[in-house]
Structures are given as C-alpha cells and as structure tokens.
Protein backbone atom coordinates (compact mmCIF):
# COMPACT_ATOMS: atom_id res chain seq x y z
CA MET A 1 0.00 0.00 0.00
CA ASN A 2 1.10 3.36 -0.75
CA GLY A 3 1.29 6.15 1.75
CA ASN A 4 -1.91 8.06 1.45
CA THR A 5 -4.12 4.99 0.96
CA ALA A 6 -2.66 3.26 3.96
CA LEU A 7 -4.80 5.26 6.37
CA ASN A 8 -7.93 5.30 4.27
CA TYR A 9 -10.44 3.72 6.60
CA GLY A 10 -13.27 3.81 4.13
CA SER A 11 -11.71 1.26 1.86
CA LEU A 12 -10.88 -1.17 4.65
CA PRO A 13 -13.52 -3.72 5.41
CA ASN A 14 -15.36 -2.78 8.54
CA HIS A 15 -15.61 -5.80 10.75
CA LYS A 16 -17.88 -4.02 13.21
CA ASP A 17 -20.52 -3.33 10.54
CA GLU A 18 -20.46 -6.91 9.32
CA LYS A 19 -20.71 -8.27 12.83
CA HIS A 20 -23.47 -5.80 13.56
CA LYS A 21 -25.34 -6.86 10.41
CA GLU A 22 -24.86 -10.52 11.29
CA LEU A 23 -26.07 -9.84 14.80
CA GLU A 24 -29.13 -7.98 13.49
CA GLU A 25 -29.84 -10.80 11.02
CA PHE A 26 -29.51 -13.35 13.82
CA LYS A 27 -31.87 -11.31 16.02
CA ARG A 28 -34.42 -11.13 13.19
CA LYS A 29 -34.19 -14.88 12.64
CA GLN A 30 -34.60 -15.49 16.36
CA LEU A 31 -37.57 -13.12 16.45
CA ARG A 32 -39.16 -14.92 13.46
CA LYS A 33 -38.63 -18.29 15.13
CA LYS A 34 -40.11 -16.95 18.35
CA LEU A 35 -43.16 -15.55 16.49
CA GLN A 36 -43.63 -18.83 14.61
CA GLN A 37 -43.35 -20.74 17.88
CA GLU A 38 -45.94 -18.44 19.48
CA ARG A 39 -48.30 -18.87 16.50
CA LEU A 40 -47.83 -22.64 16.67
CA THR A 41 -48.56 -22.59 20.40
CA LYS A 42 -51.67 -20.43 19.88
CA THR A 43 -52.84 -22.72 17.07
CA LYS A 44 -52.38 -25.77 19.32
CA VAL A 45 -54.30 -24.09 22.15
CA VAL A 46 -57.17 -23.10 19.84
CA ALA A 47 -57.25 -26.58 18.25
CA SER A 48 -57.29 -28.27 21.67
CA PHE A 49 -60.06 -25.88 22.80
CA ILE A 50 -62.13 -26.69 19.71
CA LEU A 51 -61.52 -30.42 20.17
CA THR A 52 -62.48 -30.25 23.85
CA PHE A 53 -65.61 -28.24 23.05
CA THR A 54 -66.61 -30.70 20.32
CA LEU A 55 -66.08 -33.71 22.58
CA GLY A 56 -68.01 -32.03 25.39
CA LEU A 57 -70.86 -31.13 23.07
CA SER A 58 -71.03 -34.67 21.69
CA SER A 59 -71.03 -36.09 25.25
CA VAL A 60 -73.91 -33.82 26.24
CA TYR A 61 -75.83 -34.78 23.09
CA ARG A 62 -75.26 -38.50 23.73
CA TYR A 63 -76.29 -38.11 27.37
CA SER A 64 -79.49 -36.32 26.37
CA THR A 65 -80.27 -39.06 23.85
CA ILE A 66 -79.73 -41.76 26.49
CA ASN A 67 -81.87 -39.81 28.95
CA LYS A 68 -84.68 -39.49 26.40
CA LEU A 69 -84.54 -43.23 25.65
CA GLN A 70 -84.67 -44.07 29.36
CA LYS A 71 -87.74 -41.85 29.71
CA ASN A 72 -89.38 -43.65 26.78
CA ILE A 73 -88.57 -47.02 28.37
CA GLY A 74 -90.11 -45.87 31.65
CA ASP A 75 -93.27 -44.71 29.83
CA ILE A 76 -93.53 -48.04 28.00
CA LYS A 77 -93.09 -49.99 31.26
CA THR A 78 -95.85 -47.91 32.85
CA GLU A 79 -98.11 -48.61 29.87
CA ILE A 80 -97.34 -52.34 30.10
CA SER A 81 -98.23 -52.33 33.80
CA ARG A 82 -101.51 -50.54 33.07
CA ILE A 83 -102.39 -52.99 30.30
CA ASP A 84 -101.52 -55.98 32.53
CA ALA A 85 -103.84 -54.64 35.24
CA GLU A 86 -106.60 -54.13 32.65
CA ASN A 87 -106.01 -57.67 31.37
CA GLU A 88 -106.39 -59.09 34.88
CA ASP A 89 -109.66 -57.16 35.32
CA LEU A 90 -110.95 -58.61 32.05
CA LYS A 91 -110.02 -62.14 33.17
CA ILE A 92 -111.96 -61.62 36.39
CA ASN A 93 -114.96 -60.38 34.39
CA LEU A 94 -114.75 -63.46 32.16
CA LEU A 95 -114.85 -65.73 35.19
CA GLN A 96 -117.99 -63.90 36.31
CA TYR A 97 -119.67 -64.54 32.95
CA LYS A 98 -118.91 -68.26 33.16
CA LYS A 99 -121.20 -68.66 36.16
CA VAL A 100 -124.57 -70.12 35.18
CA ALA A 101 -126.44 -68.10 37.79
CA PHE A 102 -125.09 -64.84 36.40
CA ILE A 103 -126.03 -65.83 32.84
CA GLU A 104 -129.52 -66.83 33.94
CA ASP A 105 -129.98 -63.59 35.89
CA TYR A 106 -128.75 -61.52 32.91
CA ALA A 107 -131.07 -63.36 30.51
CA ILE A 108 -134.14 -62.88 32.73
CA ASN A 109 -133.56 -59.31 33.89
CA GLU A 110 -131.72 -57.64 31.00
CA LEU A 111 -132.94 -59.58 27.96
CA GLU A 112 -136.41 -60.28 29.43
CA MET A 113 -136.29 -63.98 28.66
CA VAL A 114 -138.48 -66.49 30.47
CA ILE A 115 -137.71 -69.95 31.72
CA PRO A 116 -139.51 -72.48 29.47
CA SER A 117 -142.09 -74.72 31.05
CA SER A 118 -142.04 -78.46 30.52
CA ALA A 119 -144.81 -78.08 27.92
CA ASN A 120 -142.70 -75.69 25.85
CA ARG A 121 -139.63 -77.90 25.72
CA THR A 122 -138.70 -79.89 22.62
CA PHE A 123 -136.27 -82.77 22.59
CA VAL A 124 -134.24 -83.65 19.53
CA ASN A 125 -132.52 -86.97 18.85
CA LEU A 126 -129.01 -86.06 17.73
CA GLU A 127 -127.98 -89.63 17.05
CA LYS A 128 -129.82 -89.87 13.78
CA ASN A 129 -128.62 -87.95 10.71
CA ASN A 130 -130.89 -84.90 10.49
CA PHE A 131 -128.75 -83.07 7.95
CA ILE A 132 -129.04 -83.24 4.15
CA ASP A 133 -125.93 -84.23 2.23
CA GLU A 134 -124.83 -81.06 0.41
CA GLN A 135 -122.84 -82.82 -2.31
CA LYS A 136 -125.83 -84.83 -3.49
CA ASP A 137 -127.90 -81.68 -3.54
CA GLU A 138 -125.44 -79.77 -5.69
CA ASN A 139 -124.94 -82.61 -8.18
CA SER A 140 -128.65 -83.39 -8.46
CA GLY A 141 -129.43 -79.70 -9.12
CA GLY A 142 -126.74 -79.57 -11.80
CA ASP A 143 -128.01 -82.78 -13.36
CA LYS A 144 -131.53 -81.34 -13.54
CA VAL A 145 -130.28 -78.25 -15.33
CA LEU A 146 -128.35 -80.38 -17.85
CA GLU A 147 -131.41 -82.53 -18.41
CA ARG A 148 -133.52 -79.44 -19.16
CA ILE A 149 -130.94 -78.05 -21.60
CA LYS A 150 -130.76 -81.39 -23.42
CA SER A 151 -134.52 -81.62 -23.64
CA ILE A 152 -134.71 -78.13 -25.20
CA PHE A 153 -132.33 -79.06 -28.01
CA ASN A 154 -133.95 -82.44 -28.69
C-alpha cells in the first residue's frame, strides 16, 4: 500500500458493521422463530379448545339421547303395567260370565227372557242324521239343469 491509501479507513472492510449486520440478522431470525413458535402454540391451544368443546358437546348430546330413551322405556313400562292390570280385570270379568247363575240372571232381567215350562220344551234326537248331504244336492241340481238343456235341443 502506498502512503496516502494506507490510512484510508473507508476502503478497509469494517468488521464491526459486518458483525453488527450478522447480529441484526440473527436477532431477526430469532424473532421470526419466536413468532412462529408463538403462533404454533396459539394454534395448538385453539385446536385443543375446539376439540375439547366438540367432545363435550357430543357427550352432552349423547347423554341427552340416552336420557330421552330411558324416559321412553319408563313410559312403555308404565303402559305395560296398566295394560296388565286391565287384562287381569278382564279375566276376572270373564270368570264372572262363566257362572250359570249370572247368565240366567242376565237373561231374565236384561234380555227379558223367560224360563220355558215343561210343555214348551222340545227334545231332539241327535244320534240320527238330520242333515241333508250337500254334495248330493249340488250334483242333483246340476243334473236337472243339464237334463232341461238337453230336452230343449232335442
């Protein structure tokens, strides 16, 4: 170096400025990392809050559904008990109607029936065949119709 340029500080590299710039750059990077970390932490907190809220809401909904079903089951059991009691009452009434004295009393008082005298009674012998055979009746009627049709054409 020649004499007058030897003391020229402007042309010499300034180590303090470079170190200062590096330090500033490092601080900015650290600040960015810190901000990103804070955002990540906030995002995690918000996500966990939303997840907790959703799980809580679904638990409450499920509990209300179970509660409603239990109420319906209770109502159905009450209805079954009522119907069973009504069924027992009907069975008791049926036993009452099986009694001959009750039937006779109902027939005389409510339906105004009278007890038949021995002169009004008719006896029927059920051992002999009192019924007409339906198959013979149907065939004989059909045969008569065919006979008539044949006689018309002859």
